[in-house]
Amino acid sequence: MSEVLSQNEIDALLSALNSGEISVHEIKEEKLTPLLTLAQDRISQLEISTENILRHSYQQVKKIKLNYQKINLSDFIKKYFHSSLLPPGTQIELDFSLAAEAKVTVDPGALRVIFDNIVDNAVKFSPTPLKLRVWLAEDRRHVVVNLQDFGPGISKKEKKKIFREKKESYFQEEKSTGQIRGAGVGLFIAHNLAKKMKGKLDAFSQGKGQGTIFSLFLRK
């Protein structure tokens, strides 16, 4: 049976944990339950804050003035993953053979935001160690970045709503761990930034359990 702890007792335990004076294994089970409950409450509050930040960010996206540059896309992607903080053990397969020298006209900052949101969802909802496959393709007007994760995948029904603003996306319902809620707005922002740069962001999946391929079409 769990104890009813005062706020001072909870704060003292959290302080001791943070300082390393005690480990979680040294806390009696009856005291651990209220700590876990508090942690869950704080996580929920953080999710709400994150959701509000992202929604505010989208309002700024609509106002932003893009600074277009012609960049080598394969160079951008290599630098992006070199500087990104990804979980230990992450495996990334890069294949630029079909468009190694392709250049695109983009705002590099906006492009990074798009990558951040796609990769962030892959990190949250894929099994560990994280595995990503990235390859390029091109047609007459666009260079296409394909990023494949090996997470839960999406159904046709869910695909219709993952880029909507007001939604409960599949990332909130079909997570591999069942423990972390997604904010559900990041892909909406990424989708609209792609449109603002006269490109397109789409998603493909063979179904649940088959992973997802995000395809980003960028103007040459």
N, C-alpha and C. Protein backbone atom coordinates (compact mmCIF):
# COMPACT_ATOMS: atom_id res chain seq x y z
N MET A 1 0.85 -1.20 0.00
CA MET A 1 0.00 0.00 0.00
C MET A 1 0.88 1.25 0.00
N SER A 2 0.55 2.22 -0.84
CA SER A 2 1.39 3.41 -0.94
C SER A 2 1.11 4.38 0.20
N GLU A 3 2.15 5.15 0.58
CA GLU A 3 2.00 6.18 1.60
C GLU A 3 1.46 7.46 0.97
N VAL A 4 0.85 8.29 1.82
CA VAL A 4 0.49 9.63 1.40
C VAL A 4 1.61 10.56 1.83
N LEU A 5 2.34 11.06 0.88
CA LEU A 5 3.49 11.90 1.19
C LEU A 5 3.13 13.38 1.07
N SER A 6 3.71 14.16 1.96
CA SER A 6 3.52 15.61 1.87
C SER A 6 4.38 16.15 0.74
N GLN A 7 4.08 17.37 0.29
CA GLN A 7 4.87 17.98 -0.79
C GLN A 7 6.32 18.12 -0.37
N ASN A 8 6.57 18.45 0.94
CA ASN A 8 7.94 18.59 1.42
C ASN A 8 8.69 17.27 1.35
N GLU A 9 8.01 16.17 1.69
CA GLU A 9 8.65 14.85 1.63
C GLU A 9 8.97 14.47 0.18
N ILE A 10 8.03 14.77 -0.72
CA ILE A 10 8.27 14.48 -2.15
C ILE A 10 9.45 15.30 -2.66
N ASP A 11 9.48 16.58 -2.32
CA ASP A 11 10.58 17.45 -2.77
C ASP A 11 11.92 16.96 -2.23
N ALA A 12 11.93 16.49 -0.96
CA ALA A 12 13.17 16.00 -0.35
C ALA A 12 13.67 14.74 -1.06
N LEU A 13 12.74 13.84 -1.41
CA LEU A 13 13.11 12.62 -2.12
C LEU A 13 13.65 12.95 -3.52
N LEU A 14 12.97 13.86 -4.22
CA LEU A 14 13.41 14.24 -5.55
C LEU A 14 14.79 14.90 -5.51
N SER A 15 15.02 15.73 -4.50
CA SER A 15 16.31 16.40 -4.35
C SER A 15 17.41 15.37 -4.11
N ALA A 16 17.12 14.37 -3.26
CA ALA A 16 18.10 13.32 -2.97
C ALA A 16 18.40 12.49 -4.21
N LEU A 17 17.38 12.22 -5.02
CA LEU A 17 17.58 11.48 -6.26
C LEU A 17 18.44 12.28 -7.24
N ASN A 18 18.12 13.56 -7.37
CA ASN A 18 18.85 14.42 -8.32
C ASN A 18 20.32 14.57 -7.93
N SER A 19 20.59 14.62 -6.62
CA SER A 19 21.96 14.82 -6.15
C SER A 19 22.77 13.53 -6.12
N GLY A 20 22.08 12.40 -6.25
CA GLY A 20 22.77 11.12 -6.21
C GLY A 20 22.95 10.56 -4.82
N GLU A 21 22.34 11.21 -3.81
CA GLU A 21 22.46 10.72 -2.43
C GLU A 21 21.82 9.35 -2.28
N ILE A 22 20.74 9.13 -3.01
CA ILE A 22 20.08 7.83 -3.01
C ILE A 22 19.76 7.44 -4.44
N SER A 23 19.53 6.16 -4.66
CA SER A 23 19.08 5.69 -5.97
C SER A 23 17.62 5.29 -5.87
N VAL A 24 16.96 5.15 -7.01
CA VAL A 24 15.55 4.79 -7.01
C VAL A 24 15.34 3.43 -6.36
N HIS A 25 16.36 2.56 -6.41
CA HIS A 25 16.23 1.22 -5.83
C HIS A 25 16.20 1.25 -4.31
N GLU A 26 16.65 2.37 -3.71
CA GLU A 26 16.68 2.48 -2.25
C GLU A 26 15.38 3.04 -1.68
N ILE A 27 14.48 3.47 -2.54
CA ILE A 27 13.21 4.03 -2.07
C ILE A 27 12.21 2.90 -1.84
N LYS A 28 11.59 2.92 -0.70
CA LYS A 28 10.61 1.88 -0.39
C LYS A 28 9.45 1.94 -1.38
N GLU A 29 8.90 0.77 -1.68
CA GLU A 29 7.86 0.68 -2.69
C GLU A 29 6.67 1.57 -2.37
N GLU A 30 6.31 1.65 -1.08
CA GLU A 30 5.13 2.45 -0.72
C GLU A 30 5.36 3.95 -0.94
N LYS A 31 6.63 4.37 -0.99
CA LYS A 31 6.94 5.78 -1.27
C LYS A 31 7.16 6.02 -2.75
N LEU A 32 7.46 4.95 -3.48
CA LEU A 32 7.75 5.09 -4.90
C LEU A 32 6.49 5.41 -5.70
N THR A 33 5.36 4.83 -5.33
CA THR A 33 4.12 5.03 -6.07
C THR A 33 3.72 6.50 -6.17
N PRO A 34 3.68 7.25 -5.05
CA PRO A 34 3.33 8.68 -5.20
C PRO A 34 4.34 9.46 -6.03
N LEU A 35 5.61 9.05 -6.00
CA LEU A 35 6.61 9.71 -6.83
C LEU A 35 6.33 9.47 -8.31
N LEU A 36 5.98 8.24 -8.65
CA LEU A 36 5.67 7.92 -10.04
C LEU A 36 4.41 8.65 -10.50
N THR A 37 3.43 8.75 -9.61
CA THR A 37 2.21 9.48 -9.94
C THR A 37 2.52 10.94 -10.24
N LEU A 38 3.37 11.54 -9.39
CA LEU A 38 3.76 12.93 -9.59
C LEU A 38 4.52 13.09 -10.91
N ALA A 39 5.42 12.14 -11.19
CA ALA A 39 6.18 12.20 -12.44
C ALA A 39 5.25 12.15 -13.64
N GLN A 40 4.24 11.27 -13.59
CA GLN A 40 3.30 11.16 -14.69
C GLN A 40 2.52 12.46 -14.88
N ASP A 41 2.12 13.08 -13.75
CA ASP A 41 1.40 14.35 -13.82
C ASP A 41 2.26 15.43 -14.48
N ARG A 42 3.54 15.45 -14.11
CA ARG A 42 4.44 16.47 -14.66
C ARG A 42 4.70 16.22 -16.14
N ILE A 43 4.80 14.95 -16.53
CA ILE A 43 4.96 14.62 -17.94
C ILE A 43 3.74 15.10 -18.72
N SER A 44 2.54 14.89 -18.17
CA SER A 44 1.32 15.33 -18.84
C SER A 44 1.31 16.85 -19.01
N GLN A 45 1.76 17.55 -17.95
CA GLN A 45 1.82 19.01 -18.04
C GLN A 45 2.82 19.44 -19.10
N LEU A 46 3.96 18.73 -19.19
CA LEU A 46 4.97 19.05 -20.19
C LEU A 46 4.43 18.83 -21.59
N GLU A 47 3.65 17.75 -21.77
CA GLU A 47 3.06 17.48 -23.09
C GLU A 47 2.14 18.59 -23.51
N ILE A 48 1.34 19.09 -22.56
CA ILE A 48 0.43 20.19 -22.86
C ILE A 48 1.21 21.44 -23.24
N SER A 49 2.30 21.71 -22.49
CA SER A 49 3.13 22.87 -22.80
C SER A 49 3.77 22.73 -24.17
N THR A 50 4.27 21.52 -24.48
CA THR A 50 4.89 21.28 -25.78
C THR A 50 3.88 21.49 -26.90
N GLU A 51 2.67 20.99 -26.70
CA GLU A 51 1.61 21.16 -27.69
C GLU A 51 1.36 22.64 -27.94
N ASN A 52 1.27 23.42 -26.86
CA ASN A 52 1.00 24.85 -27.01
C ASN A 52 2.16 25.57 -27.71
N ILE A 53 3.41 25.17 -27.39
CA ILE A 53 4.58 25.77 -28.05
C ILE A 53 4.55 25.49 -29.54
N LEU A 54 4.25 24.23 -29.90
CA LEU A 54 4.23 23.87 -31.31
C LEU A 54 3.11 24.60 -32.05
N ARG A 55 1.95 24.73 -31.42
CA ARG A 55 0.86 25.44 -32.06
C ARG A 55 1.22 26.91 -32.26
N HIS A 56 1.89 27.48 -31.25
CA HIS A 56 2.35 28.86 -31.39
C HIS A 56 3.38 28.95 -32.53
N SER A 57 4.25 27.91 -32.60
CA SER A 57 5.27 27.90 -33.65
C SER A 57 4.61 27.90 -35.02
N TYR A 58 3.50 27.17 -35.17
CA TYR A 58 2.85 27.14 -36.47
C TYR A 58 2.30 28.51 -36.84
N GLN A 59 1.80 29.25 -35.86
CA GLN A 59 1.31 30.60 -36.15
C GLN A 59 2.45 31.47 -36.69
N GLN A 60 3.68 31.22 -36.16
CA GLN A 60 4.83 31.96 -36.65
C GLN A 60 5.24 31.49 -38.05
N VAL A 61 5.05 30.20 -38.33
CA VAL A 61 5.38 29.66 -39.66
C VAL A 61 4.61 30.41 -40.74
N LYS A 62 3.35 30.71 -40.47
CA LYS A 62 2.52 31.39 -41.47
C LYS A 62 3.04 32.79 -41.77
N LYS A 63 3.77 33.39 -40.81
CA LYS A 63 4.25 34.75 -40.98
C LYS A 63 5.68 34.83 -41.49
N ILE A 64 6.40 33.71 -41.41
CA ILE A 64 7.83 33.73 -41.69
C ILE A 64 8.12 34.08 -43.15
N LYS A 65 9.18 34.83 -43.36
CA LYS A 65 9.66 35.13 -44.70
C LYS A 65 10.88 34.26 -44.96
N LEU A 66 10.80 33.42 -45.98
CA LEU A 66 11.85 32.45 -46.24
C LEU A 66 13.04 33.09 -46.95
N ASN A 67 14.22 32.60 -46.61
CA ASN A 67 15.46 33.05 -47.23
C ASN A 67 15.98 31.92 -48.11
N TYR A 68 15.62 31.95 -49.39
CA TYR A 68 15.95 30.86 -50.28
C TYR A 68 17.43 30.85 -50.67
N GLN A 69 17.98 29.64 -50.71
CA GLN A 69 19.35 29.42 -51.16
C GLN A 69 19.39 28.15 -52.00
N LYS A 70 20.34 28.08 -52.90
CA LYS A 70 20.58 26.87 -53.68
C LYS A 70 21.62 26.05 -52.93
N ILE A 71 21.26 24.85 -52.49
CA ILE A 71 22.19 24.04 -51.70
C ILE A 71 22.32 22.64 -52.28
N ASN A 72 23.45 22.01 -51.99
CA ASN A 72 23.64 20.61 -52.33
C ASN A 72 22.94 19.78 -51.25
N LEU A 73 21.93 19.02 -51.65
CA LEU A 73 21.09 18.35 -50.68
C LEU A 73 21.82 17.23 -49.94
N SER A 74 22.64 16.45 -50.63
CA SER A 74 23.35 15.37 -49.94
C SER A 74 24.31 15.93 -48.88
N ASP A 75 24.97 17.07 -49.19
CA ASP A 75 25.84 17.69 -48.20
C ASP A 75 25.05 18.14 -46.98
N PHE A 76 23.88 18.74 -47.22
CA PHE A 76 23.03 19.19 -46.13
C PHE A 76 22.65 18.02 -45.22
N ILE A 77 22.24 16.91 -45.82
CA ILE A 77 21.77 15.76 -45.04
C ILE A 77 22.92 15.16 -44.21
N LYS A 78 24.10 15.05 -44.82
CA LYS A 78 25.24 14.51 -44.08
C LYS A 78 25.58 15.40 -42.88
N LYS A 79 25.58 16.71 -43.10
CA LYS A 79 25.87 17.63 -42.00
C LYS A 79 24.77 17.58 -40.94
N TYR A 80 23.53 17.42 -41.39
CA TYR A 80 22.41 17.36 -40.45
C TYR A 80 22.58 16.19 -39.48
N PHE A 81 22.81 15.01 -40.01
CA PHE A 81 22.90 13.83 -39.14
C PHE A 81 24.20 13.83 -38.34
N HIS A 82 25.24 14.47 -38.86
CA HIS A 82 26.49 14.56 -38.10
C HIS A 82 26.31 15.42 -36.86
N SER A 83 25.46 16.44 -36.95
CA SER A 83 25.29 17.37 -35.83
C SER A 83 24.07 17.06 -34.96
N SER A 84 23.26 16.08 -35.36
CA SER A 84 22.03 15.78 -34.61
C SER A 84 22.34 14.91 -33.39
N LEU A 85 21.61 15.17 -32.32
CA LEU A 85 21.73 14.36 -31.11
C LEU A 85 20.74 13.20 -31.20
N LEU A 86 21.22 12.05 -31.61
CA LEU A 86 20.38 10.87 -31.76
C LEU A 86 20.72 9.85 -30.66
N PRO A 87 19.80 8.95 -30.35
CA PRO A 87 20.05 7.97 -29.29
C PRO A 87 21.28 7.12 -29.58
N PRO A 88 22.00 6.70 -28.53
CA PRO A 88 23.16 5.82 -28.72
C PRO A 88 22.77 4.55 -29.49
N GLY A 89 23.62 4.13 -30.38
CA GLY A 89 23.34 2.91 -31.14
C GLY A 89 22.52 3.11 -32.39
N THR A 90 22.15 4.37 -32.67
CA THR A 90 21.34 4.65 -33.86
C THR A 90 22.09 4.23 -35.13
N GLN A 91 21.36 3.56 -36.01
CA GLN A 91 21.94 3.13 -37.28
C GLN A 91 21.29 3.93 -38.41
N ILE A 92 22.12 4.61 -39.19
CA ILE A 92 21.60 5.43 -40.30
C ILE A 92 22.25 4.95 -41.60
N GLU A 93 21.42 4.60 -42.55
CA GLU A 93 21.90 4.20 -43.88
C GLU A 93 21.59 5.32 -44.86
N LEU A 94 22.62 5.92 -45.43
CA LEU A 94 22.46 7.02 -46.38
C LEU A 94 22.81 6.53 -47.78
N ASP A 95 21.94 6.82 -48.72
CA ASP A 95 22.18 6.43 -50.11
C ASP A 95 21.86 7.61 -51.02
N PHE A 96 22.90 8.25 -51.57
CA PHE A 96 22.72 9.40 -52.44
C PHE A 96 23.05 9.07 -53.90
N SER A 97 23.15 7.80 -54.21
CA SER A 97 23.65 7.38 -55.52
C SER A 97 22.78 7.88 -56.68
N LEU A 98 21.49 8.07 -56.45
CA LEU A 98 20.60 8.48 -57.54
C LEU A 98 20.55 9.99 -57.74
N ALA A 99 21.10 10.74 -56.78
CA ALA A 99 21.05 12.21 -56.90
C ALA A 99 22.16 12.84 -56.07
N ALA A 100 23.38 12.34 -56.24
CA ALA A 100 24.50 12.75 -55.39
C ALA A 100 24.82 14.24 -55.49
N GLU A 101 24.66 14.82 -56.67
CA GLU A 101 25.02 16.23 -56.86
C GLU A 101 23.79 17.13 -56.98
N ALA A 102 22.64 16.61 -56.66
CA ALA A 102 21.39 17.37 -56.82
C ALA A 102 21.36 18.59 -55.90
N LYS A 103 20.90 19.71 -56.48
CA LYS A 103 20.76 20.93 -55.70
C LYS A 103 19.29 21.33 -55.63
N VAL A 104 18.91 21.91 -54.50
CA VAL A 104 17.53 22.34 -54.30
C VAL A 104 17.50 23.78 -53.85
N THR A 105 16.36 24.43 -54.10
CA THR A 105 16.16 25.82 -53.69
C THR A 105 15.28 25.84 -52.45
N VAL A 106 15.89 26.09 -51.29
CA VAL A 106 15.18 25.99 -50.02
C VAL A 106 15.67 27.06 -49.05
N ASP A 107 14.94 27.21 -47.96
CA ASP A 107 15.43 27.94 -46.81
C ASP A 107 16.08 26.89 -45.90
N PRO A 108 17.41 26.91 -45.71
CA PRO A 108 18.06 25.85 -44.92
C PRO A 108 17.52 25.71 -43.50
N GLY A 109 17.17 26.84 -42.88
CA GLY A 109 16.61 26.78 -41.53
C GLY A 109 15.27 26.06 -41.50
N ALA A 110 14.41 26.38 -42.48
CA ALA A 110 13.10 25.72 -42.56
C ALA A 110 13.27 24.23 -42.87
N LEU A 111 14.24 23.92 -43.73
CA LEU A 111 14.48 22.52 -44.07
C LEU A 111 14.92 21.74 -42.84
N ARG A 112 15.73 22.35 -42.00
CA ARG A 112 16.17 21.68 -40.78
C ARG A 112 14.99 21.41 -39.85
N VAL A 113 14.07 22.37 -39.76
CA VAL A 113 12.88 22.17 -38.92
C VAL A 113 12.07 20.97 -39.42
N ILE A 114 11.94 20.85 -40.74
CA ILE A 114 11.21 19.72 -41.32
C ILE A 114 11.90 18.40 -40.93
N PHE A 115 13.22 18.35 -41.11
CA PHE A 115 13.97 17.15 -40.74
C PHE A 115 13.82 16.85 -39.25
N ASP A 116 13.93 17.90 -38.42
CA ASP A 116 13.82 17.71 -36.97
C ASP A 116 12.51 17.02 -36.60
N ASN A 117 11.41 17.47 -37.20
CA ASN A 117 10.11 16.91 -36.84
C ASN A 117 9.93 15.48 -37.34
N ILE A 118 10.42 15.18 -38.53
CA ILE A 118 10.32 13.81 -39.04
C ILE A 118 11.18 12.87 -38.20
N VAL A 119 12.43 13.27 -37.95
CA VAL A 119 13.34 12.42 -37.18
C VAL A 119 12.87 12.28 -35.74
N ASP A 120 12.34 13.36 -35.17
CA ASP A 120 11.85 13.30 -33.79
C ASP A 120 10.75 12.26 -33.65
N ASN A 121 9.85 12.19 -34.61
CA ASN A 121 8.80 11.18 -34.55
C ASN A 121 9.38 9.77 -34.69
N ALA A 122 10.38 9.62 -35.53
CA ALA A 122 11.02 8.31 -35.67
C ALA A 122 11.69 7.88 -34.37
N VAL A 123 12.35 8.83 -33.71
CA VAL A 123 13.01 8.54 -32.44
C VAL A 123 12.00 8.09 -31.39
N LYS A 124 10.89 8.81 -31.31
CA LYS A 124 9.90 8.53 -30.27
C LYS A 124 9.18 7.20 -30.47
N PHE A 125 8.93 6.83 -31.70
CA PHE A 125 7.98 5.76 -31.92
C PHE A 125 8.56 4.53 -32.63
N SER A 126 9.88 4.45 -32.69
CA SER A 126 10.53 3.28 -33.27
C SER A 126 11.17 2.46 -32.15
N PRO A 127 11.32 1.17 -32.37
CA PRO A 127 12.02 0.35 -31.38
C PRO A 127 13.49 0.73 -31.31
N THR A 128 14.14 0.41 -30.21
CA THR A 128 15.57 0.67 -30.07
C THR A 128 16.36 -0.60 -30.36
N PRO A 129 17.57 -0.48 -30.91
CA PRO A 129 18.20 0.76 -31.37
C PRO A 129 17.50 1.32 -32.61
N LEU A 130 17.45 2.64 -32.67
CA LEU A 130 16.80 3.31 -33.79
C LEU A 130 17.52 2.99 -35.09
N LYS A 131 16.74 2.69 -36.13
CA LYS A 131 17.30 2.46 -37.46
C LYS A 131 16.58 3.34 -38.46
N LEU A 132 17.34 4.10 -39.25
CA LEU A 132 16.79 4.98 -40.26
C LEU A 132 17.46 4.70 -41.59
N ARG A 133 16.69 4.78 -42.65
CA ARG A 133 17.25 4.66 -44.00
C ARG A 133 16.86 5.92 -44.77
N VAL A 134 17.84 6.58 -45.37
CA VAL A 134 17.60 7.83 -46.10
C VAL A 134 18.18 7.69 -47.50
N TRP A 135 17.36 7.98 -48.50
CA TRP A 135 17.88 7.95 -49.88
C TRP A 135 17.23 9.06 -50.70
N LEU A 136 17.90 9.41 -51.79
CA LEU A 136 17.44 10.49 -52.66
C LEU A 136 16.96 9.93 -54.00
N ALA A 137 16.05 10.67 -54.58
CA ALA A 137 15.61 10.41 -55.95
C ALA A 137 15.31 11.76 -56.57
N GLU A 138 15.11 11.82 -57.87
CA GLU A 138 14.78 13.10 -58.49
C GLU A 138 13.98 12.91 -59.76
N ASP A 139 13.22 13.95 -60.07
CA ASP A 139 12.54 14.01 -61.36
C ASP A 139 12.89 15.35 -61.99
N ARG A 140 12.16 15.76 -62.99
CA ARG A 140 12.51 16.98 -63.72
C ARG A 140 12.44 18.23 -62.86
N ARG A 141 11.52 18.26 -61.90
CA ARG A 141 11.28 19.48 -61.13
C ARG A 141 11.71 19.39 -59.67
N HIS A 142 11.81 18.16 -59.14
CA HIS A 142 12.06 18.00 -57.71
C HIS A 142 13.18 17.02 -57.41
N VAL A 143 13.78 17.22 -56.24
CA VAL A 143 14.61 16.18 -55.61
C VAL A 143 13.80 15.67 -54.42
N VAL A 144 13.78 14.36 -54.27
CA VAL A 144 12.95 13.75 -53.23
C VAL A 144 13.84 13.12 -52.16
N VAL A 145 13.63 13.53 -50.91
CA VAL A 145 14.30 12.90 -49.78
C VAL A 145 13.34 11.87 -49.20
N ASN A 146 13.75 10.61 -49.18
CA ASN A 146 12.95 9.55 -48.58
C ASN A 146 13.59 9.13 -47.26
N LEU A 147 12.83 9.21 -46.18
CA LEU A 147 13.34 8.79 -44.87
C LEU A 147 12.44 7.68 -44.35
N GLN A 148 13.01 6.52 -44.15
CA GLN A 148 12.25 5.35 -43.71
C GLN A 148 12.59 5.02 -42.26
N ASP A 149 11.56 4.88 -41.42
CA ASP A 149 11.79 4.35 -40.07
C ASP A 149 11.24 2.93 -40.02
N PHE A 150 11.47 2.27 -38.91
CA PHE A 150 11.03 0.89 -38.76
C PHE A 150 10.15 0.75 -37.53
N GLY A 151 9.29 1.78 -37.36
CA GLY A 151 8.36 1.83 -36.24
C GLY A 151 7.05 1.13 -36.54
N PRO A 152 5.96 1.60 -35.91
CA PRO A 152 4.67 0.90 -35.99
C PRO A 152 3.96 1.01 -37.33
N GLY A 153 4.39 1.96 -38.19
CA GLY A 153 3.68 2.13 -39.45
C GLY A 153 2.34 2.80 -39.26
N ILE A 154 1.63 3.02 -40.36
CA ILE A 154 0.32 3.68 -40.30
C ILE A 154 -0.65 2.98 -41.24
N SER A 155 -1.91 3.04 -40.87
CA SER A 155 -2.95 2.51 -41.73
C SER A 155 -3.38 3.60 -42.72
N LYS A 156 -4.14 3.22 -43.74
CA LYS A 156 -4.63 4.20 -44.72
C LYS A 156 -5.51 5.24 -44.04
N LYS A 157 -6.31 4.80 -43.09
CA LYS A 157 -7.20 5.73 -42.38
C LYS A 157 -6.40 6.75 -41.59
N GLU A 158 -5.35 6.29 -40.91
CA GLU A 158 -4.54 7.18 -40.09
C GLU A 158 -3.72 8.15 -40.95
N LYS A 159 -3.32 7.69 -42.13
CA LYS A 159 -2.50 8.54 -43.00
C LYS A 159 -3.24 9.82 -43.38
N LYS A 160 -4.57 9.73 -43.50
CA LYS A 160 -5.35 10.89 -43.92
C LYS A 160 -5.31 12.03 -42.91
N LYS A 161 -4.97 11.71 -41.66
CA LYS A 161 -5.05 12.76 -40.64
C LYS A 161 -3.71 13.16 -40.02
N ILE A 162 -2.58 12.53 -40.45
CA ILE A 162 -1.34 12.83 -39.74
C ILE A 162 -0.80 14.23 -40.00
N PHE A 163 -1.25 14.87 -41.08
CA PHE A 163 -0.77 16.22 -41.37
C PHE A 163 -1.81 17.28 -41.04
N ARG A 164 -2.88 16.90 -40.35
CA ARG A 164 -3.90 17.87 -39.97
C ARG A 164 -3.49 18.59 -38.70
N GLU A 165 -4.03 19.80 -38.52
CA GLU A 165 -3.67 20.59 -37.34
C GLU A 165 -4.34 20.04 -36.09
N LYS A 166 -5.64 19.81 -36.14
CA LYS A 166 -6.37 19.39 -34.95
C LYS A 166 -6.69 17.92 -35.09
N LYS A 167 -5.91 17.11 -34.39
CA LYS A 167 -6.06 15.68 -34.55
C LYS A 167 -5.49 14.95 -33.34
N GLU A 168 -5.89 13.72 -33.18
CA GLU A 168 -5.20 12.77 -32.33
C GLU A 168 -4.49 11.83 -33.29
N SER A 169 -3.22 12.06 -33.56
CA SER A 169 -2.54 11.31 -34.61
C SER A 169 -2.21 9.90 -34.17
N TYR A 170 -1.83 9.08 -35.14
CA TYR A 170 -1.49 7.70 -34.82
C TYR A 170 -0.28 7.63 -33.90
N PHE A 171 0.52 8.68 -33.89
CA PHE A 171 1.67 8.68 -33.01
C PHE A 171 1.25 8.72 -31.55
N GLN A 172 0.06 9.21 -31.27
CA GLN A 172 -0.41 9.23 -29.90
C GLN A 172 -1.10 7.92 -29.53
N GLU A 173 -1.51 7.16 -30.54
CA GLU A 173 -2.32 5.97 -30.26
C GLU A 173 -1.58 4.66 -30.45
N GLU A 174 -0.55 4.64 -31.30
CA GLU A 174 0.07 3.38 -31.69
C GLU A 174 1.56 3.35 -31.41
N LYS A 175 1.98 3.80 -30.27
CA LYS A 175 3.40 3.87 -29.95
C LYS A 175 3.94 2.49 -29.61
N SER A 176 5.23 2.28 -29.88
CA SER A 176 5.83 0.96 -29.63
C SER A 176 5.94 0.68 -28.15
N THR A 177 6.11 1.71 -27.32
CA THR A 177 6.26 1.48 -25.89
C THR A 177 4.95 1.65 -25.14
N GLY A 178 4.04 2.43 -25.67
CA GLY A 178 2.80 2.71 -24.97
C GLY A 178 2.96 3.68 -23.82
N GLN A 179 4.10 4.35 -23.72
CA GLN A 179 4.38 5.18 -22.56
C GLN A 179 4.45 6.67 -22.85
N ILE A 180 4.85 7.05 -24.06
CA ILE A 180 5.09 8.47 -24.35
C ILE A 180 4.08 8.99 -25.34
N ARG A 181 3.46 10.11 -25.03
CA ARG A 181 2.52 10.72 -25.96
C ARG A 181 3.23 11.68 -26.88
N GLY A 182 2.85 11.67 -28.14
CA GLY A 182 3.39 12.64 -29.08
C GLY A 182 2.58 13.92 -29.04
N ALA A 183 3.20 15.02 -29.43
CA ALA A 183 2.48 16.29 -29.41
C ALA A 183 1.48 16.38 -30.54
N GLY A 184 1.75 15.67 -31.65
CA GLY A 184 0.76 15.62 -32.73
C GLY A 184 0.70 16.85 -33.60
N VAL A 185 1.64 17.78 -33.47
CA VAL A 185 1.62 19.00 -34.26
C VAL A 185 2.86 19.13 -35.13
N GLY A 186 3.94 18.46 -34.77
CA GLY A 186 5.20 18.61 -35.48
C GLY A 186 5.12 18.30 -36.96
N LEU A 187 4.43 17.21 -37.31
CA LEU A 187 4.32 16.85 -38.72
C LEU A 187 3.44 17.84 -39.47
N PHE A 188 2.47 18.40 -38.80
CA PHE A 188 1.63 19.43 -39.41
C PHE A 188 2.48 20.65 -39.77
N ILE A 189 3.38 21.04 -38.86
CA ILE A 189 4.28 22.17 -39.13
C ILE A 189 5.22 21.83 -40.28
N ALA A 190 5.79 20.62 -40.26
CA ALA A 190 6.70 20.20 -41.32
C ALA A 190 6.01 20.20 -42.68
N HIS A 191 4.79 19.70 -42.71
CA HIS A 191 4.00 19.63 -43.95
C HIS A 191 3.77 21.02 -44.52
N ASN A 192 3.45 21.97 -43.65
CA ASN A 192 3.16 23.32 -44.11
C ASN A 192 4.43 24.09 -44.49
N LEU A 193 5.54 23.81 -43.83
CA LEU A 193 6.80 24.43 -44.24
C LEU A 193 7.20 23.93 -45.63
N ALA A 194 6.99 22.65 -45.89
CA ALA A 194 7.29 22.10 -47.22
C ALA A 194 6.44 22.80 -48.28
N LYS A 195 5.16 22.99 -48.00
CA LYS A 195 4.28 23.68 -48.94
C LYS A 195 4.73 25.11 -49.15
N LYS A 196 5.16 25.76 -48.07
CA LYS A 196 5.59 27.16 -48.16
C LYS A 196 6.82 27.29 -49.06
N MET A 197 7.64 26.22 -49.11
CA MET A 197 8.82 26.24 -49.98
C MET A 197 8.49 25.65 -51.36
N LYS A 198 7.18 25.57 -51.67
CA LYS A 198 6.70 25.04 -52.95
C LYS A 198 7.09 23.58 -53.16
N GLY A 199 7.14 22.85 -52.04
CA GLY A 199 7.40 21.41 -52.08
C GLY A 199 6.23 20.64 -51.50
N LYS A 200 6.50 19.44 -51.05
CA LYS A 200 5.43 18.59 -50.52
C LYS A 200 6.03 17.56 -49.59
N LEU A 201 5.31 17.24 -48.51
CA LEU A 201 5.69 16.17 -47.61
C LEU A 201 4.58 15.13 -47.62
N ASP A 202 4.94 13.89 -47.89
CA ASP A 202 3.96 12.81 -47.92
C ASP A 202 4.47 11.64 -47.09
N ALA A 203 3.58 10.71 -46.80
CA ALA A 203 3.94 9.54 -45.99
C ALA A 203 3.37 8.28 -46.63
N PHE A 204 4.13 7.20 -46.55
CA PHE A 204 3.73 5.93 -47.12
C PHE A 204 4.02 4.81 -46.13
N SER A 205 3.14 3.83 -46.10
CA SER A 205 3.35 2.67 -45.23
C SER A 205 2.60 1.47 -45.80
N GLN A 206 3.17 0.30 -45.63
CA GLN A 206 2.49 -0.92 -46.03
C GLN A 206 1.43 -1.32 -45.01
N GLY A 207 1.39 -0.60 -43.88
CA GLY A 207 0.40 -0.90 -42.84
C GLY A 207 1.06 -0.96 -41.47
N LYS A 208 0.26 -1.20 -40.47
CA LYS A 208 0.77 -1.22 -39.11
C LYS A 208 1.83 -2.31 -38.95
N GLY A 209 2.92 -1.92 -38.26
CA GLY A 209 4.01 -2.84 -38.06
C GLY A 209 5.02 -2.87 -39.18
N GLN A 210 4.81 -2.06 -40.23
CA GLN A 210 5.67 -2.09 -41.41
C GLN A 210 6.56 -0.85 -41.55
N GLY A 211 6.55 0.01 -40.54
CA GLY A 211 7.35 1.23 -40.63
C GLY A 211 6.70 2.25 -41.55
N THR A 212 7.33 3.42 -41.65
CA THR A 212 6.79 4.51 -42.45
C THR A 212 7.90 5.14 -43.28
N ILE A 213 7.59 5.51 -44.51
CA ILE A 213 8.51 6.28 -45.35
C ILE A 213 7.93 7.68 -45.51
N PHE A 214 8.68 8.68 -45.08
CA PHE A 214 8.31 10.08 -45.33
C PHE A 214 9.07 10.54 -46.56
N SER A 215 8.35 11.08 -47.53
CA SER A 215 8.95 11.56 -48.76
C SER A 215 8.78 13.08 -48.84
N LEU A 216 9.91 13.78 -48.89
CA LEU A 216 9.92 15.23 -48.94
C LEU A 216 10.34 15.67 -50.34
N PHE A 217 9.43 16.31 -51.06
CA PHE A 217 9.69 16.80 -52.42
C PHE A 217 10.16 18.25 -52.33
N LEU A 218 11.35 18.51 -52.85
CA LEU A 218 11.95 19.84 -52.78
C LEU A 218 12.21 20.36 -54.19
N ARG A 219 11.94 21.64 -54.37
CA ARG A 219 12.08 22.27 -55.69
C ARG A 219 13.55 22.43 -56.07
N LYS A 220 13.87 22.12 -57.32
CA LYS A 220 15.23 22.31 -57.81
C LYS A 220 15.54 23.79 -58.00
